[in-house]
Amino acid sequence: MSHAPTDTPLTEEELLQVVITREEIRDVEFDWFATDTRGHVAQFLAAGDDTVPHAALQSEGLLERTHVWIDVRPETEEPNAPAGGFDEHLTPAQRRGAFVYDRLPGQTGVYRLVAAPRAPFTVSDMPASLQAYLNTLRLNVSFGAPHLFIGPDGSAHEITPDEQGPHPT
């Protein structure tokens, strides 16, 4: 994302060195991944929020490899999006074993659970290079919580009903 325009495509090694900037992800859809305290993996749909953890921006190449690794896994279960409707189209990663969270509009750093796998995979199921990358994105929460706050420094906590206000979804 933050590489100089050129006629020559970047090599795989060069792509691993490309750092994504917050300016590049502001106001555009940006998906990133993290692990929880149990080693489960989640896909986060930032929906234009540029306050994603710093570690998620450190390698465009590793982010892309993570996407591909999940995208080529076989689907092992049916969609499990509690809200149904619009959320059904956000379940591909869940059908392959990852949790899926989407940012709540107008709430910086706040994500809602979209879909939860019945049989989640863990980071230890992934190739070593992706394990190392995702271990820099380990959040101190357990995925499956209905709402999470995640800060740009990688701090995270489950949002309690008291913090949610009258309309948490």
C-alpha atoms as a PDB file:
ATOM      1  CA  MET A   1       0.000   0.000   0.000  1.00  0.00           C
ATOM      2  CA  SER A   2       2.685   2.521   0.887  1.00  0.00           C
ATOM      3  CA  HIS A   3       5.172   1.740  -1.836  1.00  0.00           C
ATOM      4  CA  ALA A   4       6.318   4.001  -4.639  1.00  0.00           C
ATOM      5  CA  PRO A   5       4.530   3.510  -7.973  1.00  0.00           C
ATOM      6  CA  THR A   6       6.610   1.538 -10.420  1.00  0.00           C
ATOM      7  CA  ASP A   7       6.202  -0.442 -13.601  1.00  0.00           C
ATOM      8  CA  THR A   8       7.816  -3.456 -11.957  1.00  0.00           C
ATOM      9  CA  PRO A   9       5.630  -5.460  -9.564  1.00  0.00           C
ATOM     10  CA  LEU A  10       7.034  -5.956  -6.101  1.00  0.00           C
ATOM     11  CA  THR A  11       8.711  -9.245  -5.333  1.00  0.00           C
ATOM     12  CA  GLU A  12       7.238 -11.361  -2.561  1.00  0.00           C
ATOM     13  CA  GLU A  13      10.107 -10.354  -0.263  1.00  0.00           C
ATOM     14  CA  GLU A  14       9.542  -6.647  -1.024  1.00  0.00           C
ATOM     15  CA  LEU A  15       5.804  -7.022  -0.373  1.00  0.00           C
ATOM     16  CA  LEU A  16       6.561  -8.420   3.084  1.00  0.00           C
ATOM     17  CA  GLN A  17       8.413  -5.180   3.868  1.00  0.00           C
ATOM     18  CA  VAL A  18       5.569  -2.850   2.817  1.00  0.00           C
ATOM     19  CA  VAL A  19       4.047  -1.063   5.804  1.00  0.00           C
ATOM     20  CA  ILE A  20       0.424   0.074   5.525  1.00  0.00           C
ATOM     21  CA  THR A  21      -0.303   3.614   6.692  1.00  0.00           C
ATOM     22  CA  ARG A  22      -3.314   4.794   8.657  1.00  0.00           C
ATOM     23  CA  GLU A  23      -4.025   7.335   5.930  1.00  0.00           C
ATOM     24  CA  GLU A  24      -4.394   4.501   3.406  1.00  0.00           C
ATOM     25  CA  ILE A  25      -7.047   2.701   5.446  1.00  0.00           C
ATOM     26  CA  ARG A  26      -9.033   5.729   6.608  1.00  0.00           C
ATOM     27  CA  ASP A  27     -12.559   5.697   5.162  1.00  0.00           C
ATOM     28  CA  VAL A  28     -12.044   2.463   3.187  1.00  0.00           C
ATOM     29  CA  GLU A  29     -12.803  -1.145   4.028  1.00  0.00           C
ATOM     30  CA  PHE A  30      -9.759  -2.734   5.633  1.00  0.00           C
ATOM     31  CA  ASP A  31      -9.732  -6.258   7.009  1.00  0.00           C
ATOM     32  CA  TRP A  32      -7.159  -7.369   9.550  1.00  0.00           C
ATOM     33  CA  PHE A  33      -6.645 -10.443  11.729  1.00  0.00           C
ATOM     34  CA  ALA A  34      -5.753 -11.181  15.341  1.00  0.00           C
ATOM     35  CA  THR A  35      -5.646 -14.026  17.847  1.00  0.00           C
ATOM     36  CA  ASP A  36      -7.216 -14.228  21.277  1.00  0.00           C
ATOM     37  CA  THR A  37      -6.027 -15.651  24.588  1.00  0.00           C
ATOM     38  CA  ARG A  38      -7.016 -19.166  23.450  1.00  0.00           C
ATOM     39  CA  GLY A  39      -5.187 -18.883  20.116  1.00  0.00           C
ATOM     40  CA  HIS A  40      -8.382 -18.558  18.063  1.00  0.00           C
ATOM     41  CA  VAL A  41      -8.225 -16.339  14.983  1.00  0.00           C
ATOM     42  CA  ALA A  42     -10.641 -13.559  14.036  1.00  0.00           C
ATOM     43  CA  GLN A  43     -11.098 -11.402  10.983  1.00  0.00           C
ATOM     44  CA  PHE A  44     -11.920  -7.765  11.783  1.00  0.00           C
ATOM     45  CA  LEU A  45     -13.711  -5.549   9.257  1.00  0.00           C
ATOM     46  CA  ALA A  46     -12.559  -2.022  10.142  1.00  0.00           C
ATOM     47  CA  ALA A  47     -15.066  -0.237   7.878  1.00  0.00           C
ATOM     48  CA  GLY A  48     -12.994   2.936   7.496  1.00  0.00           C
ATOM     49  CA  ASP A  49     -11.789   3.139  11.103  1.00  0.00           C
ATOM     50  CA  ASP A  50      -8.031   3.800  11.051  1.00  0.00           C
ATOM     51  CA  THR A  51      -7.447   2.998  14.723  1.00  0.00           C
ATOM     52  CA  VAL A  52      -6.594  -0.665  14.094  1.00  0.00           C
ATOM     53  CA  PRO A  53      -3.647  -2.043  16.072  1.00  0.00           C
ATOM     54  CA  HIS A  54      -0.270  -0.830  14.890  1.00  0.00           C
ATOM     55  CA  ALA A  55       0.926  -4.435  14.434  1.00  0.00           C
ATOM     56  CA  ALA A  56      -1.822  -5.044  11.836  1.00  0.00           C
ATOM     57  CA  LEU A  57      -0.201  -2.445   9.578  1.00  0.00           C
ATOM     58  CA  GLN A  58       3.355  -3.787   9.651  1.00  0.00           C
ATOM     59  CA  SER A  59       3.321  -6.087   6.611  1.00  0.00           C
ATOM     60  CA  GLU A  60       1.025  -5.909   3.619  1.00  0.00           C
ATOM     61  CA  GLY A  61       2.495  -9.211   2.455  1.00  0.00           C
ATOM     62  CA  LEU A  62       1.784 -11.110   5.686  1.00  0.00           C
ATOM     63  CA  LEU A  63      -1.707  -9.634   5.848  1.00  0.00           C
ATOM     64  CA  GLU A  64      -2.331 -10.853   2.294  1.00  0.00           C
ATOM     65  CA  ARG A  65      -0.878 -14.301   3.080  1.00  0.00           C
ATOM     66  CA  THR A  66      -3.225 -14.576   6.062  1.00  0.00           C
ATOM     67  CA  HIS A  67      -6.213 -13.676   3.867  1.00  0.00           C
ATOM     68  CA  VAL A  68      -5.211 -16.260   1.282  1.00  0.00           C
ATOM     69  CA  TRP A  69      -4.529 -19.003   3.846  1.00  0.00           C
ATOM     70  CA  ILE A  70      -8.028 -18.575   5.287  1.00  0.00           C
ATOM     71  CA  ASP A  71      -9.704 -18.092   1.900  1.00  0.00           C
ATOM     72  CA  VAL A  72      -8.372 -21.383   0.502  1.00  0.00           C
ATOM     73  CA  ARG A  73      -9.336 -23.466   3.543  1.00  0.00           C
ATOM     74  CA  PRO A  74     -12.314 -25.691   2.864  1.00  0.00           C
ATOM     75  CA  GLU A  75     -15.619 -24.598   4.315  1.00  0.00           C
ATOM     76  CA  THR A  76     -16.340 -26.897   7.235  1.00  0.00           C
ATOM     77  CA  GLU A  77     -19.627 -25.503   8.539  1.00  0.00           C
ATOM     78  CA  GLU A  78     -22.777 -23.586   7.669  1.00  0.00           C
ATOM     79  CA  PRO A  79     -23.032 -19.820   8.232  1.00  0.00           C
ATOM     80  CA  ASN A  80     -23.442 -18.891  11.884  1.00  0.00           C
ATOM     81  CA  ALA A  81     -24.398 -15.213  11.878  1.00  0.00           C
ATOM     82  CA  PRO A  82     -26.766 -14.633  14.810  1.00  0.00           C
ATOM     83  CA  ALA A  83     -28.241 -11.452  13.298  1.00  0.00           C
ATOM     84  CA  GLY A  84     -28.781 -13.120   9.896  1.00  0.00           C
ATOM     85  CA  GLY A  85     -29.795 -10.851   7.023  1.00  0.00           C
ATOM     86  CA  PHE A  86     -26.969  -8.571   5.866  1.00  0.00           C
ATOM     87  CA  ASP A  87     -24.455 -10.406   8.071  1.00  0.00           C
ATOM     88  CA  GLU A  88     -24.844 -13.647   6.093  1.00  0.00           C
ATOM     89  CA  HIS A  89     -22.531 -12.343   3.332  1.00  0.00           C
ATOM     90  CA  LEU A  90     -19.780 -11.693   5.928  1.00  0.00           C
ATOM     91  CA  THR A  91     -19.472 -15.355   6.973  1.00  0.00           C
ATOM     92  CA  PRO A  92     -16.889 -16.893   4.564  1.00  0.00           C
ATOM     93  CA  ALA A  93     -14.072 -16.752   7.157  1.00  0.00           C
ATOM     94  CA  GLN A  94     -16.428 -18.154   9.826  1.00  0.00           C
ATOM     95  CA  ARG A  95     -17.395 -21.064   7.565  1.00  0.00           C
ATOM     96  CA  ARG A  96     -13.648 -21.846   7.449  1.00  0.00           C
ATOM     97  CA  GLY A  97     -13.114 -21.627  11.233  1.00  0.00           C
ATOM     98  CA  ALA A  98     -12.385 -17.955  12.040  1.00  0.00           C
ATOM     99  CA  PHE A  99     -14.466 -15.547  14.097  1.00  0.00           C
ATOM    100  CA  VAL A 100     -15.716 -12.445  12.251  1.00  0.00           C
ATOM    101  CA  TYR A 101     -16.156  -8.990  13.803  1.00  0.00           C
ATOM    102  CA  ASP A 102     -17.414  -5.814  12.106  1.00  0.00           C
ATOM    103  CA  ARG A 103     -16.841  -2.291  13.409  1.00  0.00           C
ATOM    104  CA  LEU A 104     -19.901  -0.501  14.701  1.00  0.00           C
ATOM    105  CA  PRO A 105     -20.547   2.646  12.641  1.00  0.00           C
ATOM    106  CA  GLY A 106     -19.636   5.831  14.448  1.00  0.00           C
ATOM    107  CA  GLN A 107     -17.887   4.022  17.310  1.00  0.00           C
ATOM    108  CA  THR A 108     -14.101   4.172  17.040  1.00  0.00           C
ATOM    109  CA  GLY A 109     -12.474   0.849  17.872  1.00  0.00           C
ATOM    110  CA  VAL A 110     -15.748  -0.912  18.737  1.00  0.00           C
ATOM    111  CA  TYR A 111     -16.519  -4.188  16.957  1.00  0.00           C
ATOM    112  CA  ARG A 112     -19.545  -6.467  17.098  1.00  0.00           C
ATOM    113  CA  LEU A 113     -19.493 -10.212  16.616  1.00  0.00           C
ATOM    114  CA  VAL A 114     -20.904 -11.048  13.191  1.00  0.00           C
ATOM    115  CA  ALA A 115     -20.243 -14.782  13.033  1.00  0.00           C
ATOM    116  CA  ALA A 116     -18.744 -17.408  15.324  1.00  0.00           C
ATOM    117  CA  PRO A 117     -17.412 -20.755  14.117  1.00  0.00           C
ATOM    118  CA  ARG A 118     -18.701 -23.837  15.861  1.00  0.00           C
ATOM    119  CA  ALA A 119     -15.258 -25.469  15.469  1.00  0.00           C
ATOM    120  CA  PRO A 120     -12.661 -22.668  15.372  1.00  0.00           C
ATOM    121  CA  PHE A 121      -9.114 -23.276  14.204  1.00  0.00           C
ATOM    122  CA  THR A 122      -6.193 -21.883  16.157  1.00  0.00           C
ATOM    123  CA  VAL A 123      -3.089 -19.992  15.161  1.00  0.00           C
ATOM    124  CA  SER A 124      -1.086 -23.192  15.757  1.00  0.00           C
ATOM    125  CA  ASP A 125      -2.846 -24.680  12.694  1.00  0.00           C
ATOM    126  CA  MET A 126      -1.257 -22.025  10.486  1.00  0.00           C
ATOM    127  CA  PRO A 127       2.191 -21.922   8.834  1.00  0.00           C
ATOM    128  CA  ALA A 128       5.043 -20.751  11.088  1.00  0.00           C
ATOM    129  CA  SER A 129       5.427 -17.369   9.340  1.00  0.00           C
ATOM    130  CA  LEU A 130       1.745 -16.568   9.870  1.00  0.00           C
ATOM    131  CA  GLN A 131       1.904 -17.779  13.467  1.00  0.00           C
ATOM    132  CA  ALA A 132       4.753 -15.342  14.124  1.00  0.00           C
ATOM    133  CA  TYR A 133       2.826 -12.506  12.451  1.00  0.00           C
ATOM    134  CA  LEU A 134      -0.449 -13.195  14.278  1.00  0.00           C
ATOM    135  CA  ASN A 135       1.289 -13.644  17.611  1.00  0.00           C
ATOM    136  CA  THR A 136       2.172  -9.931  17.357  1.00  0.00           C
ATOM    137  CA  LEU A 137      -1.605  -9.384  17.151  1.00  0.00           C
ATOM    138  CA  ARG A 138      -2.665 -11.352  20.244  1.00  0.00           C
ATOM    139  CA  LEU A 139      -5.526  -9.556  21.996  1.00  0.00           C
ATOM    140  CA  ASN A 140      -6.234 -10.019  25.691  1.00  0.00           C
ATOM    141  CA  VAL A 141      -9.838 -11.155  25.085  1.00  0.00           C
ATOM    142  CA  SER A 142     -11.710 -14.330  24.172  1.00  0.00           C
ATOM    143  CA  PHE A 143     -13.387 -14.241  20.791  1.00  0.00           C
ATOM    144  CA  GLY A 144     -17.092 -14.925  20.863  1.00  0.00           C
ATOM    145  CA  ALA A 145     -17.836 -11.906  23.054  1.00  0.00           C
ATOM    146  CA  PRO A 146     -20.677  -9.876  21.498  1.00  0.00           C
ATOM    147  CA  HIS A 147     -18.750  -6.561  21.519  1.00  0.00           C
ATOM    148  CA  LEU A 148     -15.050  -5.717  21.758  1.00  0.00           C
ATOM    149  CA  PHE A 149     -13.096  -2.484  22.014  1.00  0.00           C
ATOM    150  CA  ILE A 150      -9.688  -2.598  20.318  1.00  0.00           C
ATOM    151  CA  GLY A 151      -7.256   0.295  20.487  1.00  0.00           C
ATOM    152  CA  PRO A 152      -4.446   1.287  18.117  1.00  0.00           C
ATOM    153  CA  ASP A 153      -1.896   0.040  20.661  1.00  0.00           C
ATOM    154  CA  GLY A 154      -3.458  -3.450  20.580  1.00  0.00           C
ATOM    155  CA  SER A 155      -5.198  -3.057  23.918  1.00  0.00           C
ATOM    156  CA  ALA A 156      -8.567  -4.786  23.941  1.00  0.00           C
ATOM    157  CA  HIS A 157     -11.451  -5.572  26.240  1.00  0.00           C
ATOM    158  CA  GLU A 158     -14.942  -6.969  26.086  1.00  0.00           C
ATOM    159  CA  ILE A 159     -17.559  -4.243  26.241  1.00  0.00           C
ATOM    160  CA  THR A 160     -19.989  -4.847  29.065  1.00  0.00           C
ATOM    161  CA  PRO A 161     -23.736  -4.187  28.727  1.00  0.00           C
ATOM    162  CA  ASP A 162     -23.273  -1.047  30.871  1.00  0.00           C
ATOM    163  CA  GLU A 163     -20.741   0.341  28.364  1.00  0.00           C
ATOM    164  CA  GLN A 164     -22.873  -0.505  25.324  1.00  0.00           C
ATOM    165  CA  GLY A 165     -25.605   2.047  25.903  1.00  0.00           C
ATOM    166  CA  PRO A 166     -29.155   1.599  24.652  1.00  0.00           C
ATOM    167  CA  HIS A 167     -28.378   0.329  21.109  1.00  0.00           C
ATOM    168  CA  PRO A 168     -25.205  -1.818  21.030  1.00  0.00           C
ATOM    169  CA  THR A 169     -25.785  -3.303  17.555  1.00  0.00           C
END
